[in-house]
PDB file of N, CA and C in Angstrom:
ATOM      1  N   UNK A   1      62.685  64.761   1.686  1.00  0.00           N
ATOM      2  CA  UNK A   1      62.095  64.775   0.363  1.00  0.00           C
ATOM      3  C   UNK A   1      63.115  65.359  -0.604  1.00  0.00           C
ATOM      4  N   UNK A   2      63.288  64.668  -1.698  1.00  0.00           N
ATOM      5  CA  UNK A   2      64.225  65.110  -2.704  1.00  0.00           C
ATOM      6  C   UNK A   2      63.465  65.236  -4.021  1.00  0.00           C
ATOM      7  N   UNK A   3      63.316  66.486  -4.516  1.00  0.00           N
ATOM      8  CA  UNK A   3      62.582  66.638  -5.773  1.00  0.00           C
ATOM      9  C   UNK A   3      63.403  66.114  -6.946  1.00  0.00           C
ATOM     10  N   UNK A   4      62.723  65.430  -7.835  1.00  0.00           N
ATOM     11  CA  UNK A   4      63.348  64.936  -9.062  1.00  0.00           C
ATOM     12  C   UNK A   4      62.600  65.567 -10.220  1.00  0.00           C
ATOM     13  N   UNK A   5      63.263  66.416 -10.926  1.00  0.00           N
ATOM     14  CA  UNK A   5      62.623  67.116 -12.035  1.00  0.00           C
ATOM     15  C   UNK A   5      62.675  66.241 -13.284  1.00  0.00           C
ATOM     16  N   UNK A   6      61.491  66.007 -13.838  1.00  0.00           N
ATOM     17  CA  UNK A   6      61.387  65.198 -15.054  1.00  0.00           C
ATOM     18  C   UNK A   6      60.865  66.009 -16.230  1.00  0.00           C
ATOM     19  N   UNK A   7      60.919  67.322 -16.134  1.00  0.00           N
ATOM     20  CA  UNK A   7      60.387  68.149 -17.216  1.00  0.00           C
ATOM     21  C   UNK A   7      61.511  68.560 -18.143  1.00  0.00           C
ATOM     22  N   UNK A   8      61.132  68.881 -19.344  1.00  0.00           N
ATOM     23  CA  UNK A   8      62.094  69.395 -20.310  1.00  0.00           C
ATOM     24  C   UNK A   8      61.822  70.872 -20.510  1.00  0.00           C
ATOM     25  N   UNK A   9      62.637  71.547 -21.270  1.00  0.00           N
ATOM     26  CA  UNK A   9      62.506  72.987 -21.478  1.00  0.00           C
ATOM     27  C   UNK A   9      61.217  73.376 -22.175  1.00  0.00           C
ATOM     28  N   UNK A  10      60.659  72.529 -23.059  1.00  0.00           N
ATOM     29  CA  UNK A  10      59.453  72.882 -23.791  1.00  0.00           C
ATOM     30  C   UNK A  10      58.181  72.498 -23.043  1.00  0.00           C
ATOM     31  N   UNK A  11      58.283  71.652 -22.052  1.00  0.00           N
ATOM     32  CA  UNK A  11      57.110  71.183 -21.322  1.00  0.00           C
ATOM     33  C   UNK A  11      56.774  72.203 -20.222  1.00  0.00           C
ATOM     34  N   UNK A  12      55.526  72.668 -20.150  1.00  0.00           N
ATOM     35  CA  UNK A  12      55.114  73.704 -19.208  1.00  0.00           C
ATOM     36  C   UNK A  12      54.384  73.140 -17.989  1.00  0.00           C
ATOM     37  N   UNK A  13      54.546  71.882 -17.666  1.00  0.00           N
ATOM     38  CA  UNK A  13      53.893  71.287 -16.509  1.00  0.00           C
ATOM     39  C   UNK A  13      54.772  71.446 -15.279  1.00  0.00           C
ATOM     40  N   UNK A  14      54.153  71.227 -14.137  1.00  0.00           N
ATOM     41  CA  UNK A  14      54.924  71.194 -12.901  1.00  0.00           C
ATOM     42  C   UNK A  14      55.787  69.948 -12.891  1.00  0.00           C
ATOM     43  N   UNK A  15      56.957  70.014 -12.279  1.00  0.00           N
ATOM     44  CA  UNK A  15      57.804  68.819 -12.251  1.00  0.00           C
ATOM     45  C   UNK A  15      57.240  67.763 -11.313  1.00  0.00           C
ATOM     46  N   UNK A  16      57.502  66.508 -11.621  1.00  0.00           N
ATOM     47  CA  UNK A  16      57.110  65.415 -10.752  1.00  0.00           C
ATOM     48  C   UNK A  16      58.089  65.347  -9.588  1.00  0.00           C
ATOM     49  N   UNK A  17      57.565  65.052  -8.411  1.00  0.00           N
ATOM     50  CA  UNK A  17      58.401  65.018  -7.219  1.00  0.00           C
ATOM     51  C   UNK A  17      58.323  63.637  -6.611  1.00  0.00           C
ATOM     52  N   UNK A  18      59.469  63.074  -6.300  1.00  0.00           N
ATOM     53  CA  UNK A  18      59.534  61.777  -5.651  1.00  0.00           C
ATOM     54  C   UNK A  18      59.627  62.015  -4.147  1.00  0.00           C
ATOM     55  N   UNK A  19      58.570  61.704  -3.424  1.00  0.00           N
ATOM     56  CA  UNK A  19      58.529  61.923  -1.977  1.00  0.00           C
ATOM     57  C   UNK A  19      58.630  60.584  -1.275  1.00  0.00           C
ATOM     58  N   UNK A  20      59.583  60.471  -0.391  1.00  0.00           N
ATOM     59  CA  UNK A  20      59.768  59.234   0.357  1.00  0.00           C
ATOM     60  C   UNK A  20      59.638  59.566   1.847  1.00  0.00           C
ATOM     61  N   UNK A  21      58.412  59.784   2.298  1.00  0.00           N
ATOM     62  CA  UNK A  21      58.166  60.167   3.692  1.00  0.00           C
ATOM     63  C   UNK A  21      57.880  58.929   4.514  1.00  0.00           C
ATOM     64  N   UNK A  22      58.609  58.770   5.610  1.00  0.00           N
ATOM     65  CA  UNK A  22      58.389  57.644   6.498  1.00  0.00           C
ATOM     66  C   UNK A  22      58.165  58.201   7.899  1.00  0.00           C
ATOM     67  N   UNK A  23      56.965  58.072   8.426  1.00  0.00           N
ATOM     68  CA  UNK A  23      56.707  58.617   9.763  1.00  0.00           C
ATOM     69  C   UNK A  23      57.457  57.828  10.824  1.00  0.00           C
ATOM     70  N   UNK A  24      57.872  58.545  11.865  1.00  0.00           N
ATOM     71  CA  UNK A  24      58.622  57.931  12.947  1.00  0.00           C
ATOM     72  C   UNK A  24      57.668  57.578  14.079  1.00  0.00           C
ATOM     73  N   UNK A  25      57.842  56.439  14.671  1.00  0.00           N
ATOM     74  CA  UNK A  25      56.992  56.047  15.786  1.00  0.00           C
ATOM     75  C   UNK A  25      57.801  56.072  17.072  1.00  0.00           C
ATOM     76  N   UNK A  26      57.185  56.566  18.134  1.00  0.00           N
ATOM     77  CA  UNK A  26      57.796  56.581  19.454  1.00  0.00           C
ATOM     78  C   UNK A  26      56.964  55.691  20.359  1.00  0.00           C
ATOM     79  N   UNK A  27      57.520  54.602  20.784  1.00  0.00           N
ATOM     80  CA  UNK A  27      56.793  53.678  21.640  1.00  0.00           C
ATOM     81  C   UNK A  27      56.645  54.266  23.041  1.00  0.00           C
ATOM     82  N   UNK A  28      55.478  54.156  23.609  1.00  0.00           N
ATOM     83  CA  UNK A  28      55.236  54.642  24.965  1.00  0.00           C
ATOM     84  C   UNK A  28      54.755  56.085  25.027  1.00  0.00           C
ATOM     85  N   UNK A  29      54.666  56.760  23.918  1.00  0.00           N
ATOM     86  CA  UNK A  29      54.197  58.147  23.906  1.00  0.00           C
ATOM     87  C   UNK A  29      52.854  58.210  23.205  1.00  0.00           C
ATOM     88  N   UNK A  30      51.944  58.944  23.818  1.00  0.00           N
ATOM     89  CA  UNK A  30      50.606  59.101  23.255  1.00  0.00           C
ATOM     90  C   UNK A  30      50.295  60.581  23.161  1.00  0.00           C
ATOM     91  N   UNK A  31      49.360  60.922  22.344  1.00  0.00           N
ATOM     92  CA  UNK A  31      48.986  62.316  22.152  1.00  0.00           C
ATOM     93  C   UNK A  31      47.958  62.812  23.144  1.00  0.00           C
ATOM     94  N   UNK A  32      48.019  62.350  24.376  1.00  0.00           N
ATOM     95  CA  UNK A  32      47.057  62.773  25.386  1.00  0.00           C
ATOM     96  C   UNK A  32      47.593  63.962  26.177  1.00  0.00           C
ATOM     97  N   UNK A  33      46.684  64.650  26.806  1.00  0.00           N
ATOM     98  CA  UNK A  33      47.053  65.758  27.684  1.00  0.00           C
ATOM     99  C   UNK A  33      47.597  65.189  28.985  1.00  0.00           C
ATOM    100  N   UNK A  34      48.635  65.807  29.532  1.00  0.00           N
ATOM    101  CA  UNK A  34      49.259  65.304  30.749  1.00  0.00           C
ATOM    102  C   UNK A  34      48.443  65.647  31.985  1.00  0.00           C
ATOM    103  N   UNK A  35      47.600  66.667  31.914  1.00  0.00           N
ATOM    104  CA  UNK A  35      46.739  67.105  33.015  1.00  0.00           C
ATOM    105  C   UNK A  35      47.537  67.470  34.269  1.00  0.00           C
ATOM    106  N   UNK A  36      48.679  68.077  34.064  1.00  0.00           N
ATOM    107  CA  UNK A  36      49.469  68.575  35.182  1.00  0.00           C
ATOM    108  C   UNK A  36      49.162  70.062  35.307  1.00  0.00           C
ATOM    109  N   UNK A  37      48.616  70.438  36.429  1.00  0.00           N
ATOM    110  CA  UNK A  37      48.270  71.835  36.642  1.00  0.00           C
ATOM    111  C   UNK A  37      49.476  72.581  37.185  1.00  0.00           C
ATOM    112  N   UNK A  38      49.801  73.722  36.594  1.00  0.00           N
ATOM    113  CA  UNK A  38      50.952  74.476  37.092  1.00  0.00           C
ATOM    114  C   UNK A  38      50.628  75.117  38.436  1.00  0.00           C
ATOM    115  N   UNK A  39      51.648  75.286  39.242  1.00  0.00           N
ATOM    116  CA  UNK A  39      51.463  75.947  40.525  1.00  0.00           C
ATOM    117  C   UNK A  39      51.157  77.415  40.298  1.00  0.00           C
ATOM    118  N   UNK A  40      50.272  77.942  41.106  1.00  0.00           N
ATOM    119  CA  UNK A  40      49.931  79.337  40.988  1.00  0.00           C
ATOM    120  C   UNK A  40      51.044  80.223  41.536  1.00  0.00           C
ATOM    121  N   UNK A  41      51.010  81.487  41.151  1.00  0.00           N
ATOM    122  CA  UNK A  41      52.031  82.424  41.602  1.00  0.00           C
ATOM    123  C   UNK A  41      52.017  82.558  43.111  1.00  0.00           C
ATOM    124  N   UNK A  42      50.838  82.533  43.696  1.00  0.00           N
ATOM    125  CA  UNK A  42      50.736  82.656  45.151  1.00  0.00           C
ATOM    126  C   UNK A  42      51.391  81.462  45.849  1.00  0.00           C
ATOM    127  N   UNK A  43      51.206  80.264  45.318  1.00  0.00           N
ATOM    128  CA  UNK A  43      51.840  79.084  45.915  1.00  0.00           C
ATOM    129  C   UNK A  43      53.356  79.139  45.792  1.00  0.00           C
ATOM    130  N   UNK A  44      53.832  79.562  44.622  1.00  0.00           N
ATOM    131  CA  UNK A  44      55.274  79.640  44.419  1.00  0.00           C
ATOM    132  C   UNK A  44      55.881  80.676  45.356  1.00  0.00           C
ATOM    133  N   UNK A  45      55.257  81.844  45.461  1.00  0.00           N
ATOM    134  CA  UNK A  45      55.824  82.889  46.316  1.00  0.00           C
ATOM    135  C   UNK A  45      55.731  82.514  47.788  1.00  0.00           C
ATOM    136  N   UNK A  46      54.665  81.843  48.214  1.00  0.00           N
ATOM    137  CA  UNK A  46      54.574  81.461  49.622  1.00  0.00           C
ATOM    138  C   UNK A  46      55.629  80.412  49.963  1.00  0.00           C
ATOM    139  N   UNK A  47      55.904  79.484  49.048  1.00  0.00           N
ATOM    140  CA  UNK A  47      56.965  78.509  49.285  1.00  0.00           C
ATOM    141  C   UNK A  47      58.322  79.192  49.369  1.00  0.00           C
ATOM    142  N   UNK A  48      58.547  80.195  48.529  1.00  0.00           N
ATOM    143  CA  UNK A  48      59.814  80.918  48.568  1.00  0.00           C
ATOM    144  C   UNK A  48      59.986  81.634  49.898  1.00  0.00           C
ATOM    145  N   UNK A  49      58.954  82.328  50.352  1.00  0.00           N
ATOM    146  CA  UNK A  49      59.074  83.073  51.593  1.00  0.00           C
ATOM    147  C   UNK A  49      59.157  82.149  52.810  1.00  0.00           C
ATOM    148  N   UNK A  50      58.609  80.966  52.735  1.00  0.00           N
ATOM    149  CA  UNK A  50      58.701  80.029  53.860  1.00  0.00           C
ATOM    150  C   UNK A  50      60.080  79.387  53.945  1.00  0.00           C
ATOM    151  N   UNK A  51      60.688  79.089  52.829  1.00  0.00           N
ATOM    152  CA  UNK A  51      61.926  78.311  52.847  1.00  0.00           C
ATOM    153  C   UNK A  51      63.178  79.155  52.663  1.00  0.00           C
ATOM    154  N   UNK A  52      63.229  79.949  51.614  1.00  0.00           N
ATOM    155  CA  UNK A  52      64.483  80.570  51.223  1.00  0.00           C
ATOM    156  C   UNK A  52      64.654  82.000  51.726  1.00  0.00           C
ATOM    157  N   UNK A  53      63.607  82.768  51.787  1.00  0.00           N
ATOM    158  CA  UNK A  53      63.733  84.185  52.067  1.00  0.00           C
ATOM    159  C   UNK A  53      64.130  84.469  53.509  1.00  0.00           C
ATOM    160  N   UNK A  54      63.804  83.620  54.425  1.00  0.00           N
ATOM    161  CA  UNK A  54      64.096  83.879  55.832  1.00  0.00           C
ATOM    162  C   UNK A  54      65.592  83.884  56.116  1.00  0.00           C
ATOM    163  N   UNK A  55      66.351  83.091  55.413  1.00  0.00           N
ATOM    164  CA  UNK A  55      67.783  82.983  55.688  1.00  0.00           C
ATOM    165  C   UNK A  55      68.530  84.264  55.361  1.00  0.00           C
ATOM    166  N   UNK A  56      68.197  84.905  54.279  1.00  0.00           N
ATOM    167  CA  UNK A  56      68.978  86.036  53.791  1.00  0.00           C
ATOM    168  C   UNK A  56      68.283  87.370  53.974  1.00  0.00           C
ATOM    169  N   UNK A  57      67.196  87.440  54.692  1.00  0.00           N
ATOM    170  CA  UNK A  57      66.419  88.672  54.747  1.00  0.00           C
ATOM    171  C   UNK A  57      67.188  89.816  55.395  1.00  0.00           C
ATOM    172  N   UNK A  58      67.844  89.588  56.521  1.00  0.00           N
ATOM    173  CA  UNK A  58      68.532  90.670  57.220  1.00  0.00           C
ATOM    174  C   UNK A  58      69.698  91.223  56.415  1.00  0.00           C
ATOM    175  N   UNK A  59      70.487  90.364  55.826  1.00  0.00           N
ATOM    176  CA  UNK A  59      71.619  90.861  55.030  1.00  0.00           C
ATOM    177  C   UNK A  59      71.132  91.607  53.792  1.00  0.00           C
ATOM    178  N   UNK A  60      70.092  91.111  53.132  1.00  0.00           N
ATOM    179  CA  UNK A  60      69.559  91.802  51.960  1.00  0.00           C
ATOM    180  C   UNK A  60      68.917  93.131  52.343  1.00  0.00           C
ATOM    181  N   UNK A  61      68.248  93.182  53.483  1.00  0.00           N
ATOM    182  CA  UNK A  61      67.654  94.446  53.940  1.00  0.00           C
ATOM    183  C   UNK A  61      68.739  95.465  54.243  1.00  0.00           C
ATOM    184  N   UNK A  62      69.846  95.034  54.840  1.00  0.00           N
ATOM    185  CA  UNK A  62      70.956  95.947  55.121  1.00  0.00           C
ATOM    186  C   UNK A  62      71.549  96.491  53.830  1.00  0.00           C
ATOM    187  N   UNK A  63      71.818  95.627  52.859  1.00  0.00           N
ATOM    188  CA  UNK A  63      72.397  96.082  51.592  1.00  0.00           C
ATOM    189  C   UNK A  63      71.422  96.970  50.819  1.00  0.00           C
ATOM    190  N   UNK A  64      70.138  96.684  50.885  1.00  0.00           N
ATOM    191  CA  UNK A  64      69.147  97.540  50.226  1.00  0.00           C
ATOM    192  C   UNK A  64      69.144  98.933  50.844  1.00  0.00           C
ATOM    193  N   UNK A  65      69.197  99.003  52.183  1.00  0.00           N
ATOM    194  CA  UNK A  65      69.229 100.307  52.857  1.00  0.00           C
ATOM    195  C   UNK A  65      70.507 101.064  52.505  1.00  0.00           C
ATOM    196  N   UNK A  66      71.634 100.360  52.451  1.00  0.00           N
ATOM    197  CA  UNK A  66      72.898 101.017  52.096  1.00  0.00           C
ATOM    198  C   UNK A  66      72.864 101.548  50.665  1.00  0.00           C
ATOM    199  N   UNK A  67      72.333 100.777  49.735  1.00  0.00           N
ATOM    200  CA  UNK A  67      72.230 101.244  48.349  1.00  0.00           C
ATOM    201  C   UNK A  67      71.274 102.417  48.221  1.00  0.00           C
ATOM    202  N   UNK A  68      70.175 102.386  48.963  1.00  0.00           N
ATOM    203  CA  UNK A  68      69.207 103.474  48.910  1.00  0.00           C
ATOM    204  C   UNK A  68      69.819 104.763  49.428  1.00  0.00           C
ATOM    205  N   UNK A  69      70.528 104.687  50.532  1.00  0.00           N
ATOM    206  CA  UNK A  69      71.177 105.887  51.084  1.00  0.00           C
ATOM    207  C   UNK A  69      72.261 106.383  50.146  1.00  0.00           C
ATOM    208  N   UNK A  70      73.034 105.483  49.586  1.00  0.00           N
ATOM    209  CA  UNK A  70      74.089 105.869  48.651  1.00  0.00           C
ATOM    210  C   UNK A  70      73.511 106.553  47.414  1.00  0.00           C
ATOM    211  N   UNK A  71      72.380 106.096  46.934  1.00  0.00           N
ATOM    212  CA  UNK A  71      71.759 106.712  45.761  1.00  0.00           C
ATOM    213  C   UNK A  71      71.043 108.009  46.115  1.00  0.00           C
ATOM    214  N   UNK A  72      70.574 108.152  47.357  1.00  0.00           N
ATOM    215  CA  UNK A  72      69.824 109.346  47.746  1.00  0.00           C
ATOM    216  C   UNK A  72      70.733 110.553  47.962  1.00  0.00           C
ATOM    217  N   UNK A  73      71.958 110.334  48.394  1.00  0.00           N
ATOM    218  CA  UNK A  73      72.866 111.452  48.684  1.00  0.00           C
ATOM    219  C   UNK A  73      73.117 112.317  47.450  1.00  0.00           C
ATOM    220  N   UNK A  74      73.479 111.787  46.283  1.00  0.00           N
ATOM    221  CA  UNK A  74      73.662 112.648  45.110  1.00  0.00           C
ATOM    222  C   UNK A  74      72.364 113.308  44.643  1.00  0.00           C
ATOM    223  N   UNK A  75      71.232 112.641  44.821  1.00  0.00           N
ATOM    224  CA  UNK A  75      69.965 113.243  44.410  1.00  0.00           C
ATOM    225  C   UNK A  75      69.648 114.470  45.267  1.00  0.00           C
ATOM    226  N   UNK A  76      69.858 114.356  46.571  1.00  0.00           N
ATOM    227  CA  UNK A  76      69.614 115.494  47.462  1.00  0.00           C
ATOM    228  C   UNK A  76      70.595 116.616  47.162  1.00  0.00           C
ATOM    229  N   UNK A  77      71.838 116.268  46.911  1.00  0.00           N
ATOM    230  CA  UNK A  77      72.842 117.280  46.579  1.00  0.00           C
ATOM    231  C   UNK A  77      72.494 117.992  45.271  1.00  0.00           C
ATOM    232  N   UNK A  78      72.040 117.244  44.282  1.00  0.00           N
ATOM    233  CA  UNK A  78      71.638 117.852  43.005  1.00  0.00           C
ATOM    234  C   UNK A  78      70.422 118.747  43.165  1.00  0.00           C
ATOM    235  N   UNK A  79      69.443 118.332  43.976  1.00  0.00           N
ATOM    236  CA  UNK A  79      68.269 119.164  44.218  1.00  0.00           C
ATOM    237  C   UNK A  79      68.669 120.450  44.931  1.00  0.00           C
ATOM    238  N   UNK A  80      69.590 120.346  45.877  1.00  0.00           N
ATOM    239  CA  UNK A  80      70.072 121.531  46.584  1.00  0.00           C
ATOM    240  C   UNK A  80      70.765 122.488  45.615  1.00  0.00           C
ATOM    241  N   UNK A  81      71.551 121.970  44.680  1.00  0.00           N
ATOM    242  CA  UNK A  81      72.228 122.807  43.695  1.00  0.00           C
ATOM    243  C   UNK A  81      71.227 123.514  42.790  1.00  0.00           C
ATOM    244  N   UNK A  82      70.162 122.834  42.407  1.00  0.00           N
ATOM    245  CA  UNK A  82      69.136 123.454  41.555  1.00  0.00           C
ATOM    246  C   UNK A  82      68.434 124.573  42.305  1.00  0.00           C
ATOM    247  N   UNK A  83      68.117 124.355  43.575  1.00  0.00           N
ATOM    248  CA  UNK A  83      67.464 125.406  44.384  1.00  0.00           C
ATOM    249  C   UNK A  83      68.376 126.616  44.523  1.00  0.00           C
ATOM    250  N   UNK A  84      69.644 126.388  44.777  1.00  0.00           N
ATOM    251  CA  UNK A  84      70.593 127.505  44.882  1.00  0.00           C
ATOM    252  C   UNK A  84      70.734 128.236  43.547  1.00  0.00           C
ATOM    253  N   UNK A  85      70.677 127.495  42.429  1.00  0.00           N
ATOM    254  CA  UNK A  85      70.747 128.124  41.117  1.00  0.00           C
ATOM    255  C   UNK A  85      69.534 129.009  40.879  1.00  0.00           C
ATOM    256  N   UNK A  86      68.343 128.544  41.264  1.00  0.00           N
ATOM    257  CA  UNK A  86      67.135 129.361  41.101  1.00  0.00           C
ATOM    258  C   UNK A  86      67.195 130.610  41.969  1.00  0.00           C
ATOM    259  N   UNK A  87      67.733 130.474  43.175  1.00  0.00           N
ATOM    260  CA  UNK A  87      67.873 131.645  44.037  1.00  0.00           C
ATOM    261  C   UNK A  87      68.832 132.662  43.434  1.00  0.00           C
ATOM    262  N   UNK A  88      69.929 132.178  42.833  1.00  0.00           N
ATOM    263  CA  UNK A  88      70.900 133.083  42.208  1.00  0.00           C
ATOM    264  C   UNK A  88      70.276 133.785  40.994  1.00  0.00           C
ATOM    265  N   UNK A  89      69.444 133.105  40.227  1.00  0.00           N
ATOM    266  CA  UNK A  89      68.789 133.744  39.083  1.00  0.00           C
ATOM    267  C   UNK A  89      67.729 134.736  39.542  1.00  0.00           C
ATOM    268  N   UNK A  90      67.102 134.488  40.677  1.00  0.00           N
ATOM    269  CA  UNK A  90      66.079 135.394  41.196  1.00  0.00           C
ATOM    270  C   UNK A  90      66.659 136.712  41.687  1.00  0.00           C
ATOM    271  N   UNK A  91      67.910 136.728  42.098  1.00  0.00           N
ATOM    272  CA  UNK A  91      68.528 137.948  42.597  1.00  0.00           C
ATOM    273  C   UNK A  91      69.070 138.815  41.500  1.00  0.00           C
ATOM    274  N   UNK A  92      69.158 138.321  40.274  1.00  0.00           N
ATOM    275  CA  UNK A  92      69.692 139.122  39.161  1.00  0.00           C
ATOM    276  C   UNK A  92      68.701 140.113  38.715  1.00  0.00           C
TER     277      UNK A  92
END
């Protein structure tokens, strides 16, 4: 749409607009619902565990355990340092 202003400075009307709208047609497409039901989360997860998860489970479990132990060591060390700090403050 391209507005074409036909007003002058003294005229207080809205400008006239030349609208050239041509709707587009798509052959073979209709405005109907497709009626495709999405798979539920339970179906998707069961398919994943049946097909893909079995192959990599042991390696992923090993890496998860290694990461957990690696992250737990500094936490235990920090907790031990806090306990020792409280003991040192208690003796003052």
